Protein backbone atom coordinates (compact mmCIF):
# COMPACT_ATOMS: atom_id res chain seq x y z
CA MET A 1 90.58 107.83 136.07
CA SER A 2 92.79 106.87 138.73
CA LEU A 3 96.36 106.12 138.33
CA GLU A 4 95.68 102.51 139.09
CA ALA A 5 93.46 101.91 136.29
CA ALA A 6 95.74 103.77 133.75
CA VAL A 7 98.47 101.15 134.24
CA ARG A 8 96.08 98.32 133.68
CA GLU A 9 95.71 100.21 130.09
CA PRO A 10 97.68 99.05 126.75
CA ASN A 11 100.97 100.17 125.51
CA PHE A 12 101.33 101.68 122.41
CA LEU A 13 104.00 101.70 120.19
CA ILE A 14 103.54 104.03 116.81
CA PHE A 15 105.78 103.73 113.83
CA LEU A 16 105.66 106.83 111.56
CA THR A 17 107.28 107.38 108.29
CA ASP A 18 107.62 110.06 106.03
CA GLN A 19 106.37 110.75 102.54
CA HIS A 20 105.26 107.21 102.18
CA ARG A 21 102.13 106.46 100.03
CA ALA A 22 99.67 103.73 100.81
CA ASP A 23 100.45 101.57 97.80
CA HIS A 24 104.17 101.42 98.62
CA LEU A 25 103.61 98.56 101.07
CA GLY A 26 102.97 94.84 100.05
CA CYS A 27 99.86 94.81 102.62
CA TYR A 28 98.27 97.39 99.94
CA GLY A 29 98.75 95.50 97.13
CA ASN A 30 102.37 96.44 95.93
CA PRO A 31 103.87 93.24 94.27
CA VAL A 32 107.71 94.41 94.13
CA VAL A 33 108.48 96.27 97.35
CA ARG A 34 109.38 93.34 100.13
CA THR A 35 107.92 94.41 103.59
CA PRO A 36 107.27 91.16 105.32
CA HIS A 37 107.18 92.68 108.92
CA ILE A 38 105.19 95.62 108.24
CA ASP A 39 102.81 93.40 106.17
CA ALA A 40 102.78 91.03 108.95
CA LEU A 41 101.31 93.63 111.64
CA ALA A 42 98.69 94.12 108.74
CA ASP A 43 97.75 90.58 108.53
CA ARG A 44 96.92 90.49 112.38
CA GLY A 45 95.60 94.05 112.60
CA SER A 46 93.11 96.38 110.76
CA ARG A 47 94.15 97.81 107.61
CA PHE A 48 92.75 101.12 106.49
CA GLU A 49 92.00 101.27 102.57
CA ARG A 50 90.71 104.89 103.02
CA PHE A 51 92.82 106.70 105.10
CA TYR A 52 93.87 110.50 104.46
CA VAL A 53 95.86 113.30 105.50
CA SER A 54 94.54 116.65 107.27
CA ASN A 55 97.06 118.34 104.97
CA PRO A 56 99.78 116.64 102.95
CA VAL A 57 102.89 118.48 104.21
CA CYS A 58 104.87 117.34 107.20
CA MET A 59 104.46 119.67 109.90
CA PRO A 60 100.71 120.58 109.62
CA ASN A 61 99.94 117.04 109.58
CA ARG A 62 102.25 115.83 112.22
CA GLY A 63 100.48 118.71 114.41
CA ALA A 64 97.02 117.17 113.36
CA MET A 65 97.96 113.77 114.16
CA MET A 66 99.35 114.78 117.89
CA THR A 67 96.31 117.20 118.58
CA GLY A 68 93.29 115.86 116.63
CA ARG A 69 92.60 118.87 115.29
CA MET A 70 92.75 120.68 111.81
CA PRO A 71 95.71 122.53 110.84
CA SER A 72 94.04 125.76 110.32
CA VAL A 73 92.80 125.19 113.87
CA THR A 74 96.07 124.25 115.50
CA GLY A 75 97.65 127.48 113.82
CA ALA A 76 100.48 125.06 112.39
CA ARG A 77 98.83 125.57 108.91
CA GLY A 78 101.77 124.98 106.92
CA ASN A 79 105.64 124.14 106.78
CA GLY A 80 107.54 127.06 108.54
CA VAL A 81 104.66 127.62 111.52
CA PRO A 82 105.43 125.71 114.65
CA LEU A 83 102.87 123.71 116.49
CA PRO A 84 101.92 126.12 119.61
CA LEU A 85 103.51 124.65 122.95
CA GLU A 86 100.36 125.76 124.44
CA SER A 87 98.55 122.65 122.16
CA VAL A 88 97.29 119.98 123.86
CA THR A 89 98.77 116.47 122.28
CA PHE A 90 97.62 113.11 122.91
CA ALA A 91 101.12 112.44 124.61
CA ASP A 92 100.61 115.14 127.20
CA VAL A 93 96.93 113.50 128.06
CA LEU A 94 98.53 109.93 128.30
CA SER A 95 101.54 111.37 130.34
CA GLU A 96 98.33 113.01 133.09
CA PHE A 97 97.02 109.34 132.94
CA GLY A 98 100.01 107.59 133.94
CA TYR A 99 101.64 106.60 130.67
CA HIS A 100 105.33 107.17 129.82
CA THR A 101 105.87 108.71 126.62
CA ALA A 102 108.68 108.87 124.38
CA LEU A 103 109.51 110.13 120.87
CA ILE A 104 112.76 108.64 118.91
CA GLY A 105 113.51 110.20 115.65
CA LYS A 106 111.95 112.81 113.60
CA SER A 107 109.69 115.28 115.35
CA HIS A 108 109.44 118.51 113.02
CA LEU A 109 106.41 119.83 115.02
CA GLN A 110 108.94 123.02 115.20
CA ASN A 111 111.19 124.50 111.82
CA MET A 112 114.21 122.80 111.18
CA GLU A 113 116.13 125.11 109.15
CA ASP A 114 116.71 128.69 109.20
CA ARG A 115 116.30 129.35 105.80
CA PRO A 116 113.91 132.35 105.26
CA PRO A 117 110.08 131.74 104.31
CA ALA A 118 108.93 131.69 100.35
CA LEU A 119 106.09 134.17 100.89
CA PRO A 120 106.05 137.16 98.42
CA PRO A 121 107.22 140.48 99.92
CA GLU A 122 104.66 142.34 101.76
CA ALA A 123 104.32 145.98 102.60
CA LYS A 124 105.46 147.24 105.66
CA VAL A 125 103.85 146.29 108.90
CA THR A 126 103.71 147.99 112.08
CA THR A 127 105.41 145.84 115.04
CA ARG A 128 103.19 147.50 117.50
CA GLN A 129 100.11 145.39 115.73
CA SER A 130 102.46 142.22 115.09
CA LYS A 131 103.19 142.23 119.18
CA ARG A 132 99.80 142.92 120.08
CA TYR A 133 98.76 139.59 117.93
CA ALA A 134 101.26 137.51 119.41
CA GLU A 135 100.24 138.81 122.74
CA ALA A 136 96.37 137.87 121.86
CA ARG A 137 97.64 134.22 120.99
CA ARG A 138 100.09 133.83 123.63
CA VAL A 139 102.80 132.75 121.10
CA ASP A 140 105.84 134.19 120.20
CA LEU A 141 107.24 131.64 117.28
CA HIS A 142 110.56 133.63 117.26
CA ALA A 143 111.34 132.83 121.05
CA PRO A 144 113.79 130.25 122.02
CA ALA A 145 111.07 127.66 122.85
CA TYR A 146 110.19 127.83 118.95
CA ARG A 147 113.90 127.06 117.84
CA GLN A 148 114.30 123.67 119.81
CA GLU A 149 114.54 121.98 116.33
CA LEU A 150 116.76 123.91 114.35
CA ARG A 151 119.78 122.70 112.72
CA SER A 152 121.76 125.88 114.05
CA SER A 153 120.38 125.41 117.73
CA TRP A 154 121.81 121.51 117.58
CA GLU A 155 125.10 123.20 116.72
CA ARG A 156 125.62 124.27 120.06
CA PRO A 157 127.13 121.45 122.35
CA GLU A 158 125.19 122.12 125.03
CA HIS A 159 121.75 122.48 123.64
CA GLN A 160 118.82 119.97 124.34
CA LEU A 161 114.97 119.98 123.91
CA THR A 162 112.88 121.20 126.80
CA LEU A 163 111.54 118.02 128.30
CA PRO A 164 108.52 117.16 128.37
CA TYR A 165 108.20 118.15 124.59
CA TYR A 166 104.62 118.28 123.48
CA GLY A 167 103.91 115.67 125.94
CA PHE A 168 107.03 113.21 125.17
CA GLN A 169 108.63 112.75 128.45
CA ASP A 170 111.84 111.68 126.74
CA VAL A 171 112.87 112.61 123.32
CA VAL A 172 116.00 110.92 120.88
CA LEU A 173 115.84 113.48 117.90
CA CYS A 174 116.92 112.63 114.41
CA ASN A 175 115.42 115.49 112.37
CA HIS A 176 115.67 116.00 108.53
CA HIS A 177 116.22 113.38 106.26
CA ALA A 178 118.18 110.60 104.67
CA ASP A 179 122.22 111.12 105.62
CA GLU A 180 121.74 114.74 106.15
CA CYS A 181 120.00 114.00 109.51
CA PHE A 182 121.27 116.28 112.93
CA GLY A 183 120.19 115.97 116.27
CA ASP A 184 120.73 113.60 119.12
CA TYR A 185 121.65 110.84 116.06
CA LEU A 186 124.58 113.53 114.55
CA ARG A 187 125.90 113.55 118.18
CA TRP A 188 126.03 109.90 118.31
CA LEU A 189 127.59 109.68 114.77
CA GLN A 190 130.26 112.13 115.99
CA LYS A 191 131.06 110.57 119.02
CA HIS A 192 131.17 106.71 117.62
CA HIS A 193 131.89 107.29 114.38
CA PRO A 194 133.99 110.05 113.67
CA GLU A 195 135.56 109.01 110.59
CA VAL A 196 132.46 109.41 108.50
CA ALA A 197 130.27 111.93 110.49
CA GLY A 198 132.24 114.65 108.26
CA ARG A 199 131.63 113.25 105.20
CA ILE A 200 127.79 113.05 105.50
CA GLY A 201 125.25 114.89 103.02
CA ARG A 202 125.39 115.66 99.37
CA GLU A 203 128.65 117.03 99.27
CA HIS A 204 130.23 114.18 99.90
CA GLY A 205 128.14 111.48 98.56
CA ARG A 206 129.16 109.66 95.58
CA ARG A 207 126.66 110.31 92.41
CA ASP A 208 126.23 107.13 90.80
CA PRO A 209 127.41 107.68 87.09
CA GLU A 210 124.44 105.12 85.71
CA PHE A 211 121.95 107.36 87.55
CA VAL A 212 120.26 110.46 86.08
CA ALA A 213 117.90 110.85 88.95
CA PRO A 214 118.12 114.26 91.06
CA GLN A 215 118.96 114.07 94.95
CA ALA A 216 120.16 110.64 94.76
CA TRP A 217 123.87 109.79 95.88
CA HIS A 218 125.96 106.84 97.54
CA THR A 219 126.16 107.52 101.25
CA GLN A 220 129.33 107.11 102.89
CA LEU A 221 127.34 105.87 105.84
CA ASP A 222 126.99 101.80 106.02
CA GLU A 223 123.32 100.75 106.96
CA PHE A 224 124.26 100.29 110.65
CA GLN A 225 125.42 104.09 110.97
CA TYR A 226 122.34 105.16 108.80
CA PRO A 227 119.50 107.30 110.82
CA THR A 228 116.91 104.43 110.43
CA HIS A 229 119.04 102.14 111.89
CA TYR A 230 119.97 104.22 114.74
CA ILE A 231 116.23 105.02 115.52
CA ALA A 232 115.85 101.39 115.62
CA GLU A 233 118.59 100.71 118.24
CA GLN A 234 117.73 103.60 120.22
CA SER A 235 113.65 102.35 120.35
CA MET A 236 114.90 98.87 121.36
CA ASP A 237 117.24 100.25 124.01
CA TRP A 238 114.37 102.49 125.49
CA LEU A 239 111.72 99.37 125.52
CA THR A 240 114.52 97.51 127.51
CA ARG A 241 115.28 100.41 130.23
CA HIS A 242 111.23 101.12 130.36
CA THR A 243 110.86 97.44 131.62
CA VAL A 244 114.01 97.16 134.16
CA GLU A 245 113.19 100.96 135.42
CA ARG A 246 109.35 101.06 135.34
CA PRO A 247 108.14 97.75 135.13
CA GLY A 248 104.14 97.60 134.79
CA GLN A 249 104.14 101.44 133.88
CA PRO A 250 102.11 101.84 130.26
CA PHE A 251 104.26 103.62 127.80
CA ALA A 252 103.47 105.16 124.21
CA LEU A 253 106.46 105.12 122.17
CA MET A 254 106.66 106.87 118.97
CA CYS A 255 109.23 105.46 116.50
CA SER A 256 109.53 108.25 113.67
CA PHE A 257 111.79 107.26 110.74
CA PRO A 258 112.94 110.50 108.58
CA ASP A 259 112.53 108.05 105.17
CA PRO A 260 111.56 106.98 102.75
CA HIS A 261 111.48 111.13 101.86
CA HIS A 262 114.00 112.38 99.51
CA PRO A 263 117.23 112.77 99.07
CA TRP A 264 117.22 109.17 98.16
CA THR A 265 120.09 107.74 100.12
CA PRO A 266 119.69 103.92 100.89
CA PRO A 267 122.54 102.82 102.47
CA GLY A 268 124.84 99.61 101.42
CA ARG A 269 122.71 96.61 100.19
CA TYR A 270 119.50 98.74 99.75
CA TRP A 271 120.91 101.08 97.30
CA ASP A 272 120.73 98.13 94.50
CA MET A 273 118.02 95.81 96.22
CA TYR A 274 115.56 97.04 93.62
CA ASP A 275 116.62 97.25 89.90
CA PRO A 276 115.07 100.46 87.83
CA ASP A 277 114.87 98.59 84.74
CA GLN A 278 112.27 96.51 86.59
CA MET A 279 110.34 99.37 88.08
CA ALA A 280 107.19 99.61 86.19
CA LEU A 281 105.89 103.51 85.78
CA PRO A 282 102.67 104.70 86.95
CA PRO A 283 100.05 104.58 84.38
CA THR A 284 99.70 108.58 84.10
CA ALA A 285 103.84 108.67 84.33
CA THR A 286 104.13 110.15 80.48
CA ARG A 287 100.66 111.61 80.10
CA THR A 288 100.64 114.68 78.31
CA GLU A 289 97.19 114.88 76.62
CA GLY A 290 94.34 116.55 78.76
CA ALA A 291 96.66 117.44 81.49
CA GLU A 292 95.59 119.84 84.13
CA ARG A 293 96.58 123.11 84.33
CA HIS A 294 98.86 122.76 87.30
CA VAL A 295 100.70 119.72 85.73
CA GLN A 296 101.01 121.26 82.55
CA TRP A 297 102.59 124.47 84.47
CA LEU A 298 105.38 122.02 85.87
CA GLN A 299 105.83 120.56 82.71
CA ARG A 300 106.81 123.89 81.25
CA GLU A 301 109.09 124.84 83.77
CA ARG A 302 110.48 121.65 83.54
CA ALA A 303 110.99 121.84 79.72
CA ASP A 304 112.17 125.54 80.03
CA GLY A 305 115.30 124.60 82.23
CA ARG A 306 113.38 126.39 85.16
CA ALA A 307 112.55 123.55 87.48
CA GLN A 308 113.93 123.07 90.83
CA LEU A 309 115.47 119.71 90.86
CA GLU A 310 117.22 119.89 94.10
CA THR A 311 114.91 121.32 96.41
CA PRO A 312 112.04 120.00 98.81
CA ARG A 313 109.05 121.56 95.97
CA MET A 314 108.05 119.21 93.60
CA PHE A 315 108.86 118.95 90.01
CA ALA A 316 107.98 117.36 86.28
CA ALA A 317 110.12 114.31 86.10
CA GLN A 318 111.22 112.04 83.10
CA ALA A 319 110.50 108.45 83.08
CA ARG A 320 113.82 107.20 83.87
CA GLU A 321 114.25 109.57 86.86
CA ILE A 322 110.94 107.82 87.85
CA GLN A 323 112.16 104.50 87.69
CA GLU A 324 114.96 105.27 89.65
CA ILE A 325 113.36 107.35 92.08
CA ILE A 326 110.88 104.37 92.92
CA ALA A 327 113.49 101.53 92.85
CA LEU A 328 115.55 103.76 95.74
CA THR A 329 112.84 104.76 97.57
CA TYR A 330 111.81 100.94 97.55
CA GLY A 331 115.35 100.30 99.15
CA MET A 332 114.58 102.87 101.73
CA ILE A 333 111.49 101.27 102.74
CA SER A 334 112.71 97.77 103.05
CA ASN A 335 115.48 99.24 105.56
CA ILE A 336 112.77 100.33 107.31
CA ASP A 337 110.90 96.88 107.47
CA ASP A 338 114.00 95.24 108.45
CA ARG A 339 114.52 97.82 111.39
CA ILE A 340 110.63 97.38 112.34
CA GLY A 341 111.24 93.56 112.25
CA MET A 342 114.06 94.35 114.64
CA ILE A 343 111.95 96.37 117.42
CA MET A 344 109.07 93.97 117.01
CA ALA A 345 111.73 91.30 118.13
CA ARG A 346 112.71 92.89 121.11
CA LEU A 347 109.13 93.67 122.08
CA ARG A 348 108.48 89.76 121.85
CA GLU A 349 111.65 89.59 123.85
CA LEU A 350 110.41 91.68 126.64
CA ASP A 351 107.17 89.84 126.85
CA LEU A 352 105.60 92.99 125.57
CA GLU A 353 103.76 92.15 122.23
CA ARG A 354 100.48 90.81 123.79
CA ASP A 355 99.97 94.28 125.76
CA THR A 356 101.00 96.40 122.82
CA VAL A 357 98.79 98.04 120.37
CA VAL A 358 101.14 98.53 117.48
CA ILE A 359 100.59 101.22 114.55
CA PHE A 360 101.98 102.01 111.41
CA THR A 361 101.15 105.17 109.33
CA SER A 362 102.63 107.95 107.67
CA ASP A 363 102.83 111.83 107.62
CA HIS A 364 101.69 112.09 103.98
CA GLY A 365 102.31 110.70 100.45
CA ASP A 366 104.35 111.58 97.56
CA LEU A 367 103.07 111.85 94.06
CA MET A 368 106.27 109.48 92.91
CA GLY A 369 105.70 109.93 89.09
CA ASP A 370 101.82 110.35 89.24
CA HIS A 371 100.74 112.48 86.39
CA GLY A 372 104.55 113.00 85.75
CA ILE A 373 105.30 114.53 88.93
CA MET A 374 107.61 114.04 91.67
CA LEU A 375 107.51 114.86 95.70
CA LYS A 376 104.58 116.75 96.96
CA GLY A 377 102.74 120.07 96.61
CA PRO A 378 99.20 121.21 95.91
CA LEU A 379 97.98 118.58 93.77
CA HIS A 380 96.05 116.27 95.91
CA TYR A 381 95.97 113.29 94.16
CA ASP A 382 95.36 109.91 95.77
CA GLY A 383 99.51 109.02 95.99
CA LEU A 384 99.90 111.87 97.86
CA VAL A 385 96.97 112.44 100.39
CA ARG A 386 96.05 108.73 100.97
CA VAL A 387 98.47 107.09 103.84
CA PRO A 388 98.44 103.82 105.12
CA PHE A 389 97.33 103.15 108.73
CA ILE A 390 97.82 100.06 110.37
CA TRP A 391 96.41 99.23 114.16
CA ALA A 392 97.26 95.62 115.08
CA ASP A 393 95.52 95.31 118.37
CA PRO A 394 96.38 92.17 120.59
CA GLU A 395 92.47 92.19 121.47
CA GLY A 396 91.06 93.52 118.20
CA SER A 397 90.28 91.63 115.06
CA ALA A 398 91.98 91.66 111.73
CA GLY A 399 90.52 92.62 108.36
CA ALA A 400 90.66 95.56 105.95
CA ARG A 401 88.24 98.83 106.59
CA ASP A 402 87.33 100.83 103.79
CA ASP A 403 85.39 103.67 106.20
CA LEU A 404 86.90 107.20 105.67
CA GLY A 405 89.48 107.84 108.20
CA SER A 406 91.82 110.98 108.74
CA SER A 407 95.35 111.86 110.38
CA MET A 408 93.35 113.48 113.09
CA ASP A 409 91.72 110.27 114.28
CA LEU A 410 95.31 108.96 115.71
CA GLY A 411 95.26 110.89 118.73
CA PRO A 412 91.44 110.06 119.61
CA SER A 413 91.75 106.39 118.68
CA ILE A 414 94.65 105.84 120.97
CA LEU A 415 93.25 107.82 124.19
CA ARG A 416 89.62 105.90 123.00
CA ARG A 417 91.69 102.63 123.48
CA ALA A 418 93.21 103.59 126.94
CA ASN A 419 89.55 104.43 128.17
CA ILE A 420 90.36 108.12 128.24
CA SER A 421 88.03 110.96 126.91
CA SER A 422 89.60 113.34 124.23
CA PRO A 423 90.27 116.92 125.75
CA SER A 424 87.79 119.35 124.36
CA GLY A 425 88.24 120.76 120.78
CA VAL A 426 89.21 117.49 119.52
CA GLN A 427 87.85 117.26 115.54
CA GLY A 428 89.32 113.87 115.11
CA CYS A 429 87.23 110.29 115.52
CA PRO A 430 88.27 107.49 117.52
CA LEU A 431 88.02 104.46 115.51
CA PHE A 432 88.38 101.84 118.21
CA ASP A 433 86.55 101.46 121.65
CA GLU A 434 88.40 100.84 125.13
CA HIS A 435 88.71 97.03 124.06
CA GLY A 436 90.02 97.16 120.71
CA GLY A 437 86.60 96.77 118.77
CA ALA A 438 86.27 98.82 115.77
CA LEU A 439 84.29 102.15 115.68
CA ALA A 440 83.12 103.27 112.03
CA SER A 441 84.03 106.87 111.32
CA GLY A 442 80.85 108.14 110.23
CA ARG A 443 82.12 110.25 107.98
CA SER A 444 80.51 111.05 104.51
CA GLY A 445 83.69 113.07 103.39
CA VAL A 446 87.25 113.66 104.56
CA LEU A 447 88.34 117.00 104.74
CA ILE A 448 91.92 118.05 103.28
CA GLU A 449 93.74 121.46 103.89
CA GLU A 450 96.70 123.02 102.24
CA SER A 451 97.86 126.88 102.45
CA GLN A 452 101.40 127.02 100.63
CA GLN A 453 103.99 129.83 101.11
CA ARG A 454 104.45 129.27 97.34
CA ALA A 455 102.65 131.06 94.51
CA TYR A 456 103.32 128.94 91.79
CA VAL A 457 101.71 126.20 89.08
CA GLY A 458 100.27 128.84 87.54
CA PHE A 459 98.90 131.15 90.89
CA GLU A 460 99.81 134.38 91.34
CA THR A 461 99.41 134.30 95.39
CA PRO A 462 100.45 131.63 97.38
CA VAL A 463 98.22 128.54 96.80
CA GLN A 464 95.34 127.47 98.90
CA VAL A 465 93.23 124.54 98.26
CA ARG A 466 90.36 122.44 100.05
CA THR A 467 89.76 118.94 99.12
CA LEU A 468 86.69 116.75 100.10
CA VAL A 469 87.20 113.08 99.67
CA THR A 470 84.26 111.09 99.43
CA GLN A 471 83.34 107.34 99.16
CA ARG A 472 83.31 107.82 95.54
CA TYR A 473 84.64 111.46 94.49
CA ARG A 474 87.19 114.07 95.00
CA LEU A 475 86.81 117.25 95.17
CA SER A 476 89.38 120.08 95.27
CA LEU A 477 88.64 123.67 95.38
CA TYR A 478 91.47 126.50 94.89
CA HIS A 479 91.23 130.08 96.40
CA GLU A 480 92.40 131.79 93.59
CA GLY A 481 90.74 131.79 90.46
CA ASP A 482 87.25 129.86 88.97
CA TRP A 483 89.06 126.40 88.57
CA GLY A 484 88.98 123.31 90.40
CA GLU A 485 89.04 119.17 89.87
CA LEU A 486 86.24 117.22 90.31
CA TYR A 487 86.85 113.23 89.80
CA ASP A 488 85.13 110.25 90.25
CA LEU A 489 87.28 107.86 91.78
CA GLN A 490 84.80 104.71 91.10
CA GLU A 491 84.94 105.44 87.33
CA ASP A 492 88.11 106.99 87.06
CA PRO A 493 90.78 106.12 89.70
CA GLN A 494 93.85 107.34 88.00
CA GLU A 495 92.24 110.97 88.46
CA CYS A 496 92.70 111.73 84.44
CA HIS A 497 89.02 113.44 83.62
CA ASN A 498 88.29 116.26 85.58
CA LEU A 499 84.55 116.99 85.51
CA TRP A 500 84.74 120.54 87.02
CA ASP A 501 83.49 121.98 83.74
CA ASP A 502 81.46 118.95 82.65
CA GLU A 503 78.24 120.15 81.90
CA GLY A 504 76.61 117.32 83.06
CA SER A 505 78.35 117.22 86.09
CA ARG A 506 76.93 120.45 86.99
CA GLY A 507 74.48 119.22 89.65
CA LEU A 508 77.07 116.87 91.20
CA ARG A 509 79.60 119.77 91.34
CA GLN A 510 77.10 121.78 93.02
CA SER A 511 76.39 119.41 95.84
CA LEU A 512 79.84 118.34 96.66
CA VAL A 513 80.74 122.28 97.21
CA GLU A 514 78.11 122.50 99.24
CA GLU A 515 78.99 119.41 101.02
CA LEU A 516 82.49 120.91 101.52
CA ALA A 517 81.09 123.86 102.90
CA ARG A 518 79.21 122.49 105.66
CA THR A 519 82.02 120.09 106.36
CA LEU A 520 84.28 123.36 107.05
CA MET A 521 81.80 124.36 109.27
CA ARG A 522 82.19 121.30 111.27
CA HIS A 523 85.63 121.55 111.27
CA THR A 524 85.27 125.28 112.70
CA ASP A 525 87.14 125.59 116.18
CA MET A 526 84.51 125.08 119.02
CA CYS A 527 87.20 125.42 121.65
CA PRO A 528 87.13 127.22 124.17
CA LYS A 529 83.30 126.48 125.17
CA PRO A 530 81.24 129.51 126.30
CA THR A 531 81.12 129.94 130.02
CA SER A 532 78.14 132.16 130.05
CA LEU A 533 75.04 133.23 128.22
CA ALA A 534 76.77 136.67 127.09
């Protein structure tokens, strides 16, 4: 395709949130949380009711979104494993065809912290073997190029990302979560608000005596100093500069918010925008009878005082904690929604809305009290693995869609809409054509992977699970042991009755395990293509 043809293609504005489940939006049926600007996108666009992650953890699923490939194929199979820089992303391809690309906000395609991994100790491994493997992969994950997002790297004043970064020609980095973010954001805060820059994070936050929830504090930042507002302002400024400096050139801007991920620190008026007393508990929040073995393990851990309440690892939560966390999460979401409204207003001011496809999605969900569990982990309940996906296209039609979508479909859909073919090896499906018309995914099931660093929830080795979600069922198969999960989502939407060992469901289980095996085979990496018979 020529550059002249590419410049006539639509712009793309991608809103990405972090740890945001689908039913935490008004347009997905939530009667409490106020999200009028996101709802307005859904009203004029396509809203996917059955859109699932490729992996319910940040780094692997962000890599899948960028490449259109499963985490086991990209190599970034879990948190702590950076996406190889040699990966081809949709931003790379758009740049090649004349688009200007930018990322503003959280990236997390590489590690953010220097903490050691949680893997159990291993026997000694020869360094010669390790080096040969790294050379064969052409990836040295300890090289400086893979330390670009580390907090310690950003503590050096001269540090900057090497651009383009995974295909993004401009990057304004705001990594981590809540009021503990760093990168370009922290440098801005230190320059313009030095009086509060040294008083951020949990050690400076004020704990509310009326709150019992862990990881919740009043931030020292007001809403205009908070990362969410910074990302919105930077996005608005970028759109204005692009219009002036590159008139007529198509763009793809990813606006990536670190919220509503824990810790829960909504600033100012967003802290008490929602009353915890008015927050309904999830139907399964206090369920104890018939709980699955991984849920029972977390419940025992909490009862024994061993739960890790101040870390990113999931934990069994008490009813009041769940109510408070939901209220604070809603406040963070409404803050995001207000900032999306600001960005959309700038888009209209610049007369760009009629030429721009606006997308809203999240990297994964949160259990948020389902089955009494908080955060994320190898429990593939609906609230964790199903995320919002809204595609508002000036040329497309509006309405809900119930075909099975995957996070891998983001890149292929963008490229197809831009009338560009996906690179070889892409496993996701385009959900829209070059005119904005709907393309059915054609999937009978969605594959979800998870390969944990941790050995927990009753397993002796790091947890590995593969899940297949069909229109009616959810099957999860664990690597260790002979145990699994099988739920009829039509008859049992709360996923309370595991049919894995049900005698009458043995044939169903067998057929779904076979379908999972075939789905895994379809997602085998077929790149590079053979160049000869032998």
